Protein backbone atom coordinates (compact mmCIF):
# COMPACT_ATOMS: atom_id res chain seq x y z
CA MET A 1 15.12 25.47 45.56
CA ASN A 2 12.24 22.96 45.53
CA ARG A 3 11.85 23.25 41.77
CA PHE A 4 15.57 22.67 41.28
CA VAL A 5 15.43 19.47 43.36
CA LEU A 6 12.27 18.36 41.55
CA ALA A 7 14.01 18.91 38.19
CA PHE A 8 16.93 16.68 39.29
CA ARG A 9 14.53 13.99 40.51
CA CYS A 10 12.72 14.06 37.16
CA PHE A 11 15.99 13.95 35.23
CA PHE A 12 17.43 10.97 37.11
CA ALA A 13 14.10 9.12 37.20
CA LEU A 14 13.86 9.38 33.42
CA LEU A 15 17.56 8.57 32.97
CA PHE A 16 17.60 5.41 35.13
CA GLN A 17 13.96 4.24 35.16
CA GLY A 18 12.68 5.55 31.84
CA ALA A 19 9.51 6.94 33.47
CA LEU A 20 8.42 9.29 36.20
CA SER A 21 7.26 7.70 39.42
CA PRO A 22 3.73 8.41 40.74
CA GLU A 23 5.25 10.47 43.60
CA ILE A 24 7.12 12.76 41.19
CA LEU A 25 3.97 13.14 39.06
CA LYS A 26 2.06 14.10 42.22
CA ASP A 27 4.73 16.65 43.16
CA LEU A 28 4.54 18.07 39.62
CA GLY A 29 0.76 18.29 39.87
CA VAL A 30 0.28 16.11 36.80
CA ASN A 31 -2.21 13.27 36.53
CA ARG A 32 -1.39 10.19 34.52
CA ARG A 33 -3.73 9.81 31.56
CA GLU A 34 -5.76 6.68 31.30
CA THR A 35 -4.99 4.83 28.13
CA PRO A 36 -8.11 4.66 26.02
CA PRO A 37 -9.48 1.20 25.40
CA PRO A 38 -8.35 -0.19 22.07
CA VAL A 39 -10.78 0.65 19.31
CA ALA A 40 -12.33 -2.44 17.82
CA ALA A 41 -11.01 -2.80 14.32
CA ALA A 42 -13.65 -2.64 11.65
CA PRO A 43 -13.96 -5.88 9.79
CA GLN A 44 -11.61 -5.72 6.88
CA GLN A 45 -13.24 -5.74 3.51
CA LYS A 46 -11.67 -7.97 0.94
CA LEU A 47 -9.46 -5.85 -1.26
CA LEU A 48 -10.53 -5.95 -4.87
CA LYS A 49 -7.95 -6.86 -7.46
CA PRO A 50 -7.88 -5.21 -10.90
CA ALA A 51 -8.92 -8.53 -12.44
CA ASP A 52 -12.13 -8.64 -10.37
CA GLY A 53 -13.88 -6.10 -12.62
CA ALA A 54 -12.86 -8.03 -15.73
CA LEU A 55 -14.09 -11.28 -14.21
CA GLN A 56 -17.33 -9.59 -13.17
CA PHE A 57 -17.88 -8.37 -16.73
CA LEU A 58 -17.15 -11.83 -18.10
CA ALA A 59 -19.70 -13.22 -15.63
CA ILE A 60 -22.27 -10.67 -16.89
CA LEU A 61 -21.64 -11.75 -20.49
CA GLN A 62 -21.99 -15.39 -19.43
CA ARG A 63 -25.21 -14.66 -17.54
CA ASP A 64 -26.80 -12.63 -20.33
CA SER A 65 -25.60 -14.48 -23.43
CA ARG A 66 -23.73 -17.64 -22.40
CA LEU A 67 -20.61 -16.25 -24.07
CA VAL A 68 -18.16 -18.37 -22.06
CA ASP A 69 -20.13 -21.53 -22.89
CA PHE A 70 -19.94 -20.65 -26.58
CA LEU A 71 -16.20 -19.87 -26.46
CA MET A 72 -15.34 -23.04 -24.54
CA GLU A 73 -17.37 -25.32 -26.81
CA ASP A 74 -15.67 -27.16 -29.68
CA ILE A 75 -17.60 -25.87 -32.70
CA SER A 76 -15.60 -27.77 -35.34
CA GLN A 77 -18.39 -30.35 -35.67
CA TYR A 78 -21.04 -27.79 -36.65
CA ALA A 79 -21.74 -26.42 -40.13
CA ASP A 80 -21.01 -22.77 -40.85
CA ASP A 81 -24.71 -21.92 -41.19
CA GLN A 82 -25.41 -23.42 -37.73
CA ILE A 83 -22.58 -21.38 -36.22
CA GLY A 84 -23.76 -18.24 -38.02
CA ALA A 85 -27.27 -18.61 -36.63
CA ALA A 86 -25.95 -19.10 -33.10
CA VAL A 87 -23.55 -16.17 -33.37
CA ARG A 88 -26.26 -13.75 -34.54
CA GLU A 89 -28.25 -14.21 -31.31
CA LEU A 90 -25.05 -14.25 -29.21
CA HIS A 91 -23.91 -11.01 -30.86
CA ASP A 92 -27.18 -9.22 -30.04
CA GLN A 93 -27.16 -10.36 -26.42
CA CYS A 94 -23.50 -9.44 -25.88
CA ARG A 95 -23.97 -6.00 -27.50
CA ASP A 96 -26.94 -5.31 -25.22
CA SER A 97 -24.92 -6.30 -22.13
CA VAL A 98 -21.97 -4.13 -23.11
CA ALA A 99 -24.27 -1.16 -23.80
CA ARG A 100 -25.98 -1.62 -20.42
CA TYR A 101 -22.75 -1.35 -18.38
CA VAL A 102 -20.21 0.49 -20.58
CA THR A 103 -20.61 3.65 -22.64
CA LEU A 104 -18.26 3.37 -25.62
CA GLN A 105 -17.06 6.17 -27.88
CA PRO A 106 -14.74 6.09 -30.89
CA VAL A 107 -11.20 7.37 -30.33
CA ILE A 108 -11.36 9.14 -33.69
CA ASP A 109 -14.85 9.98 -34.87
CA GLY A 110 -14.22 9.86 -38.60
CA VAL A 111 -15.08 7.85 -41.69
CA GLU A 112 -12.91 4.79 -42.14
CA GLY A 113 -10.84 4.95 -45.33
CA THR A 114 -10.50 8.76 -45.25
CA PHE A 115 -7.58 10.88 -44.03
CA ALA A 116 -7.51 11.44 -40.27
CA LYS A 117 -5.12 13.32 -38.03
CA ALA A 118 -3.88 11.70 -34.83
CA PRO A 119 -5.67 13.46 -31.92
CA THR A 120 -2.51 13.87 -29.77
CA GLY A 121 0.98 12.53 -29.39
CA ASP A 122 -0.29 9.93 -26.91
CA ALA A 123 0.85 6.58 -28.29
CA SER A 124 -1.97 4.75 -26.49
CA LEU A 125 -4.64 6.56 -28.56
CA VAL A 126 -3.40 5.73 -32.05
CA LYS A 127 -1.49 2.79 -33.47
CA PHE A 128 0.11 3.51 -36.81
CA VAL A 129 0.12 0.49 -39.14
CA GLY A 130 1.64 -0.13 -42.51
CA ASN A 131 4.92 1.41 -43.70
CA VAL A 132 5.51 3.60 -40.64
CA PRO A 133 8.63 5.83 -40.67
CA ALA A 134 10.85 6.26 -37.59
CA LYS A 135 9.03 9.49 -36.73
CA PRO A 136 5.29 8.79 -37.07
CA PRO A 137 3.40 11.27 -39.26
CA SER A 138 0.60 13.50 -38.00
CA GLY A 139 -2.06 11.40 -39.71
CA GLY A 140 -2.95 8.88 -42.38
CA SER A 141 -5.80 6.78 -43.73
CA LEU A 142 -8.19 5.78 -40.92
CA ARG A 143 -8.46 1.98 -40.82
CA HIS A 144 -10.25 1.63 -37.46
CA LYS A 145 -11.88 4.28 -35.29
CA GLY A 146 -10.76 2.65 -32.06
CA TRP A 147 -12.87 2.52 -28.91
CA ARG A 148 -12.64 4.18 -25.53
CA ALA A 149 -14.80 3.62 -22.48
CA ALA A 150 -16.45 6.94 -21.69
CA LYS A 151 -18.25 5.47 -18.68
CA VAL A 152 -18.20 2.14 -16.87
CA ASP A 153 -21.09 1.45 -14.54
CA LEU A 154 -20.74 -2.09 -13.20
CA PRO A 155 -22.95 -3.06 -10.28
CA PRO A 156 -21.14 -3.62 -6.95
CA LEU A 157 -19.87 -7.13 -6.38
CA PRO A 158 -22.17 -9.03 -4.02
CA ALA A 159 -20.66 -9.34 -0.53
CA GLY A 160 -19.03 -12.67 0.08
CA GLN A 161 -19.17 -13.77 -3.56
CA ASP A 162 -15.95 -15.16 -5.00
CA PRO A 163 -15.19 -12.96 -8.02
CA ASN A 164 -13.35 -15.88 -9.66
CA ILE A 165 -16.64 -17.74 -10.17
CA ILE A 166 -17.82 -16.70 -13.63
CA ALA A 167 -20.90 -18.92 -13.50
CA PRO A 168 -21.79 -21.40 -10.78
CA ALA A 169 -22.32 -25.02 -11.72
CA GLU A 170 -25.95 -25.97 -12.13
CA ILE A 171 -27.36 -29.20 -10.72
CA GLU A 172 -30.89 -30.16 -11.59
CA ILE A 173 -32.90 -31.97 -8.96
CA GLU A 174 -35.44 -34.42 -10.38
């Protein structure tokens, strides 16, 4: 009979109070659990945006070859031979930077100007140009091999660095 009375006490305590009293818990032989102290939240790392990698790569090209400086400069006042000389060095430096951090492979490894079959039906791999019928053919004359990144190995972004800064301003102290 005691268990029947205890069951009614539990039922009505939960119905009207929403919790069991300490006396009922004692009669049930149950100890109330201590709530664990709240776990200190780990400091949140700044979430990286997809553009951060592109900005980081642009910063690398700026650091290694001053590409952004060249692109932002008005070159209309220079002669073609001056621009050609500057571009040759810029080209070498940029190519070295790209090779250091990205392994590139052709999409189609063939000779340009010869017949090539499209590797798959994936529209992102091949772009048909020229007089293209409604249903693209299986191949055609290769005009550009295309490029794919086989491996990208960018260094981690330095902690606390704003990825939007491509190159910091430089102030010379005299």
